[in-house]
Protein backbone atom coordinates (compact mmCIF):
# COMPACT_ATOMS: atom_id res chain seq x y z
CA UNK A 1 0.00 0.00 0.00
CA UNK A 2 1.50 3.37 -1.03
CA UNK A 3 2.32 5.92 1.70
CA UNK A 4 0.36 9.15 1.18
CA UNK A 5 2.41 12.29 0.69
CA UNK A 6 2.12 14.86 3.46
CA UNK A 7 0.04 17.91 2.66
CA UNK A 8 2.18 20.80 1.42
CA UNK A 9 1.43 24.23 2.80
CA UNK A 10 3.05 27.51 1.83
CA UNK A 11 5.50 28.85 4.39
CA UNK A 12 4.57 32.40 5.45
CA UNK A 13 7.20 35.08 4.97
CA UNK A 14 7.96 36.98 8.18
CA UNK A 15 8.27 40.73 7.88
CA UNK A 16 8.18 43.49 10.49
CA UNK A 17 4.37 43.49 10.28
CA UNK A 18 3.93 39.70 10.43
CA UNK A 19 6.73 38.66 12.79
CA UNK A 20 5.58 37.20 16.09
CA UNK A 21 5.26 39.61 19.01
CA UNK A 22 8.03 39.72 21.56
CA UNK A 23 7.42 37.92 24.81
CA UNK A 24 6.51 40.37 27.57
CA UNK A 25 7.36 39.72 31.22
CA UNK A 26 7.62 41.70 34.46
CA UNK A 27 9.87 40.81 37.38
CA UNK A 28 9.37 42.90 40.50
CA UNK A 29 11.72 42.42 43.45
CA UNK A 30 10.83 43.99 46.84
CA UNK A 31 9.11 46.96 45.12
CA UNK A 32 12.62 48.35 44.53
CA UNK A 33 13.70 46.69 41.29
CA UNK A 34 11.59 46.04 38.17
CA UNK A 35 12.78 44.31 35.02
CA UNK A 36 10.48 44.50 32.00
CA UNK A 37 11.05 42.54 28.79
CA UNK A 38 9.31 42.94 25.44
CA UNK A 39 9.55 46.74 25.51
CA UNK A 40 9.55 48.33 22.06
CA UNK A 41 10.32 51.87 23.27
CA UNK A 42 10.48 54.14 26.29
CA UNK A 43 7.75 56.74 25.78
CA UNK A 44 8.76 59.03 28.67
CA UNK A 45 10.22 58.98 32.15
CA UNK A 46 11.14 61.17 35.10
CA UNK A 47 11.68 60.61 38.84
CA UNK A 48 8.02 59.67 39.48
CA UNK A 49 6.77 57.88 36.32
CA UNK A 50 8.03 55.82 33.40
CA UNK A 51 5.87 55.03 30.35
CA UNK A 52 6.88 52.03 28.21
CA UNK A 53 5.39 50.66 24.97
CA UNK A 54 4.84 46.88 25.16
CA UNK A 55 2.99 44.35 22.97
CA UNK A 56 0.18 44.22 25.58
CA UNK A 57 -0.34 47.99 25.83
CA UNK A 58 1.45 50.98 27.27
CA UNK A 59 2.81 50.28 30.74
CA UNK A 60 3.07 53.14 33.24
CA UNK A 61 5.26 52.60 36.29
CA UNK A 62 4.78 55.06 39.13
CA UNK A 63 6.87 55.65 42.19
CA UNK A 64 9.55 57.80 43.74
CA UNK A 65 13.20 58.31 42.84
CA UNK A 66 12.81 56.11 39.73
CA UNK A 67 15.89 55.44 37.63
CA UNK A 68 15.34 53.92 34.19
CA UNK A 69 18.12 51.99 32.47
CA UNK A 70 18.76 52.07 28.76
CA UNK A 71 16.47 50.00 26.52
CA UNK A 72 18.23 47.01 25.00
CA UNK A 73 17.15 46.96 21.35
CA UNK A 74 18.22 43.32 21.01
CA UNK A 75 16.27 41.95 24.01
CA UNK A 76 13.67 44.69 24.58
CA UNK A 77 14.60 44.76 28.25
CA UNK A 78 14.45 47.76 30.61
CA UNK A 79 15.39 47.88 34.29
CA UNK A 80 13.74 50.37 36.66
CA UNK A 81 15.03 51.00 40.19
CA UNK A 82 13.50 53.11 42.96
CA UNK A 83 10.42 52.96 45.19
CA UNK A 84 7.84 51.39 42.86
CA UNK A 85 4.27 52.23 43.89
CA UNK A 86 2.10 51.11 40.97
CA UNK A 87 1.99 49.48 37.52
CA UNK A 88 -0.79 50.35 35.06
CA UNK A 89 -1.55 49.20 31.51
CA UNK A 90 -3.47 51.23 28.94
CA UNK A 91 -4.33 50.20 25.39
CA UNK A 92 -1.94 51.30 22.65
CA UNK A 93 -3.59 53.98 20.58
CA UNK A 94 -2.59 54.11 16.96
CA UNK A 95 -2.33 57.61 15.58
CA UNK A 96 -5.11 58.32 13.12
CA UNK A 97 -3.03 60.90 11.28
CA UNK A 98 -1.80 64.36 11.99
CA UNK A 99 -3.73 67.49 12.79
CA UNK A 100 -4.64 68.12 9.14
CA UNK A 101 -6.02 64.57 8.74
CA UNK A 102 -8.27 65.09 11.76
CA UNK A 103 -9.43 68.51 10.56
CA UNK A 104 -10.46 67.21 7.13
CA UNK A 105 -12.54 64.21 8.20
């Protein structure tokens, strides 16, 4: 009896738009040290807040005397030290165009 050939399926091409999302994790130690992976960019930061773009939404870290390390482009990892008081996610909002695009709707 002949062995059936396996079904052939096209292999998808991965581009920046179709590549799988980075894994996103948080590691909080004693409310003094936070390591976040899967960060695509640091939106803003100062001594009391840090806003990070992640695949699951924008993450805001609040506290006192916060120090934000450099974003590793290769790993997407950021380290935050200080007195961490809260973590809050908000949905990523895609820009719907500039001011002129909004005026001419």
